[in-house]
Amino acid sequence: MKPIFSRVMHHLQLRESWIIFFILGIIMMTFPFLQIFNKPVTILGFPLMFIYLTAGWAFSIFVIYLFMRAFTSFSSNPDHKKEP
């Protein structure tokens, strides 16, 4: 289990992953996606657009947390060997 976790955390640290998630965040804020969720529908009394934006914000924070955790775990262990 540890090698899989280590491999996943290493891949999250890659620069390409940062760029992909940044572009995904920008795409989620473009007109087509905002129009999809801009409906007069409520879930538990909250408008659908509010839930979409709040969930996207929370997901962004979670992804940043994973990136920072990967960065600190690899920067604090300089003897970490790269796996093929």
N, C-alpha and C. Protein backbone atom coordinates (compact mmCIF):
# COMPACT_ATOMS: atom_id res chain seq x y z
N MET A 1 0.83 -1.19 0.00
CA MET A 1 0.00 0.00 0.00
C MET A 1 0.87 1.25 0.00
N LYS A 2 1.96 1.24 0.73
CA LYS A 2 2.84 2.40 0.82
C LYS A 2 3.46 2.76 -0.53
N PRO A 3 3.94 1.77 -1.34
CA PRO A 3 4.50 2.15 -2.63
C PRO A 3 3.47 2.80 -3.56
N ILE A 4 2.23 2.34 -3.51
CA ILE A 4 1.19 2.92 -4.35
C ILE A 4 0.94 4.36 -3.92
N PHE A 5 0.82 4.59 -2.62
CA PHE A 5 0.60 5.94 -2.09
C PHE A 5 1.77 6.85 -2.47
N SER A 6 2.97 6.34 -2.34
CA SER A 6 4.16 7.11 -2.68
C SER A 6 4.18 7.47 -4.16
N ARG A 7 3.81 6.53 -5.00
CA ARG A 7 3.78 6.77 -6.44
C ARG A 7 2.72 7.80 -6.81
N VAL A 8 1.55 7.70 -6.19
CA VAL A 8 0.47 8.66 -6.46
C VAL A 8 0.88 10.05 -6.01
N MET A 9 1.47 10.16 -4.82
CA MET A 9 1.88 11.46 -4.32
C MET A 9 2.99 12.06 -5.20
N HIS A 10 3.85 11.22 -5.74
CA HIS A 10 4.90 11.71 -6.63
C HIS A 10 4.29 12.27 -7.92
N HIS A 11 3.30 11.57 -8.46
CA HIS A 11 2.67 12.04 -9.69
C HIS A 11 1.89 13.33 -9.46
N LEU A 12 1.33 13.52 -8.28
CA LEU A 12 0.61 14.75 -7.98
C LEU A 12 1.55 15.95 -7.93
N GLN A 13 2.81 15.70 -7.68
CA GLN A 13 3.77 16.78 -7.56
C GLN A 13 4.23 17.30 -8.92
N LEU A 14 3.97 16.56 -9.94
CA LEU A 14 4.45 16.94 -11.26
C LEU A 14 3.86 18.26 -11.73
N ARG A 15 4.65 18.97 -12.45
CA ARG A 15 4.23 20.29 -12.96
C ARG A 15 3.03 20.17 -13.90
N GLU A 16 2.98 19.11 -14.65
CA GLU A 16 1.88 18.92 -15.58
C GLU A 16 0.55 18.80 -14.85
N SER A 17 0.58 18.17 -13.68
CA SER A 17 -0.65 18.04 -12.89
C SER A 17 -1.14 19.40 -12.43
N TRP A 18 -0.23 20.25 -11.99
CA TRP A 18 -0.62 21.61 -11.60
C TRP A 18 -1.30 22.32 -12.76
N ILE A 19 -0.71 22.21 -13.93
CA ILE A 19 -1.25 22.90 -15.11
C ILE A 19 -2.61 22.34 -15.49
N ILE A 20 -2.75 21.03 -15.45
CA ILE A 20 -4.03 20.40 -15.79
C ILE A 20 -5.13 20.86 -14.85
N PHE A 21 -4.88 20.87 -13.54
CA PHE A 21 -5.90 21.28 -12.60
C PHE A 21 -6.20 22.77 -12.71
N PHE A 22 -5.21 23.59 -13.05
CA PHE A 22 -5.44 25.01 -13.25
C PHE A 22 -6.36 25.23 -14.45
N ILE A 23 -6.06 24.55 -15.55
CA ILE A 23 -6.89 24.68 -16.75
C ILE A 23 -8.29 24.14 -16.50
N LEU A 24 -8.40 23.04 -15.77
CA LEU A 24 -9.71 22.50 -15.42
C LEU A 24 -10.52 23.51 -14.60
N GLY A 25 -9.87 24.18 -13.67
CA GLY A 25 -10.56 25.20 -12.87
C GLY A 25 -11.04 26.36 -13.72
N ILE A 26 -10.24 26.77 -14.69
CA ILE A 26 -10.66 27.85 -15.58
C ILE A 26 -11.83 27.40 -16.46
N ILE A 27 -11.75 26.18 -16.96
CA ILE A 27 -12.83 25.66 -17.80
C ILE A 27 -14.13 25.58 -17.01
N MET A 28 -14.04 25.21 -15.74
CA MET A 28 -15.25 25.11 -14.92
C MET A 28 -15.91 26.47 -14.69
N MET A 29 -15.19 27.55 -14.91
CA MET A 29 -15.74 28.89 -14.71
C MET A 29 -16.14 29.57 -16.02
N THR A 30 -16.16 28.83 -17.12
CA THR A 30 -16.54 29.43 -18.40
C THR A 30 -18.05 29.36 -18.59
N PHE A 31 -18.53 30.07 -19.58
CA PHE A 31 -19.96 30.21 -19.82
C PHE A 31 -20.73 28.89 -19.92
N PRO A 32 -20.30 27.91 -20.71
CA PRO A 32 -21.14 26.71 -20.83
C PRO A 32 -21.39 26.01 -19.49
N PHE A 33 -20.36 25.89 -18.66
CA PHE A 33 -20.54 25.20 -17.39
C PHE A 33 -21.39 26.03 -16.43
N LEU A 34 -21.17 27.32 -16.40
CA LEU A 34 -21.98 28.17 -15.53
C LEU A 34 -23.44 28.17 -15.98
N GLN A 35 -23.68 28.12 -17.28
CA GLN A 35 -25.04 28.11 -17.80
C GLN A 35 -25.74 26.79 -17.47
N ILE A 36 -25.01 25.70 -17.45
CA ILE A 36 -25.60 24.40 -17.11
C ILE A 36 -26.17 24.43 -15.70
N PHE A 37 -25.46 25.06 -14.78
CA PHE A 37 -25.88 25.06 -13.39
C PHE A 37 -26.69 26.30 -12.99
N ASN A 38 -26.93 27.20 -13.92
CA ASN A 38 -27.71 28.40 -13.64
C ASN A 38 -29.19 28.11 -13.92
N LYS A 39 -29.79 27.28 -13.10
CA LYS A 39 -31.19 26.86 -13.25
C LYS A 39 -31.96 27.27 -12.01
N PRO A 40 -33.25 27.47 -12.15
CA PRO A 40 -34.07 27.82 -10.98
C PRO A 40 -34.41 26.58 -10.14
N VAL A 41 -33.40 25.81 -9.79
CA VAL A 41 -33.57 24.59 -9.00
C VAL A 41 -32.86 24.78 -7.67
N THR A 42 -33.48 24.29 -6.61
CA THR A 42 -32.83 24.36 -5.30
C THR A 42 -32.67 22.95 -4.75
N ILE A 43 -31.60 22.76 -4.04
CA ILE A 43 -31.34 21.50 -3.34
C ILE A 43 -31.16 21.86 -1.88
N LEU A 44 -32.06 21.36 -1.05
CA LEU A 44 -32.09 21.69 0.38
C LEU A 44 -32.17 23.20 0.60
N GLY A 45 -32.82 23.90 -0.32
CA GLY A 45 -33.00 25.33 -0.19
C GLY A 45 -31.88 26.17 -0.77
N PHE A 46 -30.85 25.55 -1.29
CA PHE A 46 -29.73 26.28 -1.88
C PHE A 46 -29.83 26.22 -3.40
N PRO A 47 -29.60 27.35 -4.07
CA PRO A 47 -29.63 27.33 -5.54
C PRO A 47 -28.53 26.42 -6.09
N LEU A 48 -28.83 25.83 -7.24
CA LEU A 48 -27.89 24.89 -7.86
C LEU A 48 -26.56 25.55 -8.18
N MET A 49 -26.58 26.82 -8.61
CA MET A 49 -25.34 27.53 -8.93
C MET A 49 -24.47 27.68 -7.69
N PHE A 50 -25.08 28.00 -6.56
CA PHE A 50 -24.34 28.14 -5.30
C PHE A 50 -23.67 26.82 -4.92
N ILE A 51 -24.37 25.72 -5.07
CA ILE A 51 -23.81 24.41 -4.74
C ILE A 51 -22.66 24.07 -5.69
N TYR A 52 -22.82 24.38 -6.97
CA TYR A 52 -21.77 24.13 -7.96
C TYR A 52 -20.50 24.91 -7.62
N LEU A 53 -20.65 26.19 -7.34
CA LEU A 53 -19.48 27.02 -7.03
C LEU A 53 -18.83 26.61 -5.71
N THR A 54 -19.64 26.29 -4.72
CA THR A 54 -19.10 25.88 -3.41
C THR A 54 -18.38 24.54 -3.51
N ALA A 55 -18.97 23.60 -4.24
CA ALA A 55 -18.33 22.28 -4.40
C ALA A 55 -17.03 22.42 -5.20
N GLY A 56 -17.03 23.25 -6.23
CA GLY A 56 -15.81 23.47 -7.01
C GLY A 56 -14.72 24.12 -6.17
N TRP A 57 -15.10 25.06 -5.33
CA TRP A 57 -14.15 25.72 -4.44
C TRP A 57 -13.57 24.71 -3.45
N ALA A 58 -14.43 23.88 -2.85
CA ALA A 58 -13.95 22.88 -1.89
C ALA A 58 -13.04 21.86 -2.58
N PHE A 59 -13.39 21.45 -3.79
CA PHE A 59 -12.56 20.51 -4.53
C PHE A 59 -11.20 21.13 -4.85
N SER A 60 -11.18 22.41 -5.20
CA SER A 60 -9.91 23.09 -5.48
C SER A 60 -9.02 23.12 -4.25
N ILE A 61 -9.60 23.39 -3.10
CA ILE A 61 -8.84 23.41 -1.86
C ILE A 61 -8.29 22.03 -1.55
N PHE A 62 -9.09 20.98 -1.79
CA PHE A 62 -8.64 19.62 -1.55
C PHE A 62 -7.48 19.25 -2.47
N VAL A 63 -7.54 19.64 -3.74
CA VAL A 63 -6.46 19.35 -4.68
C VAL A 63 -5.19 20.09 -4.27
N ILE A 64 -5.31 21.35 -3.87
CA ILE A 64 -4.15 22.10 -3.41
C ILE A 64 -3.55 21.45 -2.16
N TYR A 65 -4.41 20.96 -1.27
CA TYR A 65 -3.93 20.25 -0.08
C TYR A 65 -3.11 19.02 -0.48
N LEU A 66 -3.62 18.25 -1.45
CA LEU A 66 -2.87 17.06 -1.90
C LEU A 66 -1.53 17.44 -2.51
N PHE A 67 -1.51 18.49 -3.31
CA PHE A 67 -0.25 18.94 -3.91
C PHE A 67 0.74 19.38 -2.83
N MET A 68 0.28 20.14 -1.88
CA MET A 68 1.18 20.62 -0.83
C MET A 68 1.67 19.47 0.04
N ARG A 69 0.80 18.52 0.30
CA ARG A 69 1.22 17.35 1.08
C ARG A 69 2.29 16.56 0.33
N ALA A 70 2.10 16.40 -0.98
CA ALA A 70 3.10 15.69 -1.78
C ALA A 70 4.40 16.48 -1.80
N PHE A 71 4.32 17.78 -1.94
CA PHE A 71 5.51 18.61 -1.99
C PHE A 71 6.29 18.55 -0.69
N THR A 72 5.60 18.65 0.45
CA THR A 72 6.30 18.63 1.73
C THR A 72 6.86 17.25 2.05
N SER A 73 6.16 16.19 1.64
CA SER A 73 6.67 14.85 1.94
C SER A 73 7.92 14.55 1.13
N PHE A 74 7.99 15.01 -0.11
CA PHE A 74 9.17 14.76 -0.92
C PHE A 74 10.29 15.73 -0.63
N SER A 75 9.97 16.96 -0.24
CA SER A 75 11.04 17.91 0.06
C SER A 75 11.65 17.64 1.43
N SER A 76 10.90 17.02 2.34
CA SER A 76 11.46 16.71 3.65
C SER A 76 12.26 15.42 3.66
N ASN A 77 12.19 14.64 2.59
CA ASN A 77 12.91 13.38 2.48
C ASN A 77 13.86 13.44 1.29
N PRO A 78 15.04 14.04 1.43
CA PRO A 78 15.93 14.19 0.27
C PRO A 78 16.52 12.87 -0.21
N ASP A 79 16.49 11.83 0.60
CA ASP A 79 17.04 10.53 0.19
C ASP A 79 16.03 9.68 -0.54
N HIS A 80 14.87 10.26 -0.86
CA HIS A 80 13.83 9.52 -1.54
C HIS A 80 14.29 9.12 -2.94
N LYS A 81 14.18 7.85 -3.23
CA LYS A 81 14.61 7.35 -4.53
C LYS A 81 13.43 7.40 -5.49
N LYS A 82 13.72 7.77 -6.75
CA LYS A 82 12.67 7.76 -7.76
C LYS A 82 12.41 6.35 -8.18
N GLU A 83 11.11 6.02 -8.28
CA GLU A 83 10.75 4.69 -8.72
C GLU A 83 10.47 4.72 -10.21
N PRO A 84 10.78 3.63 -10.91
CA PRO A 84 10.53 3.61 -12.37
C PRO A 84 9.07 3.59 -12.70
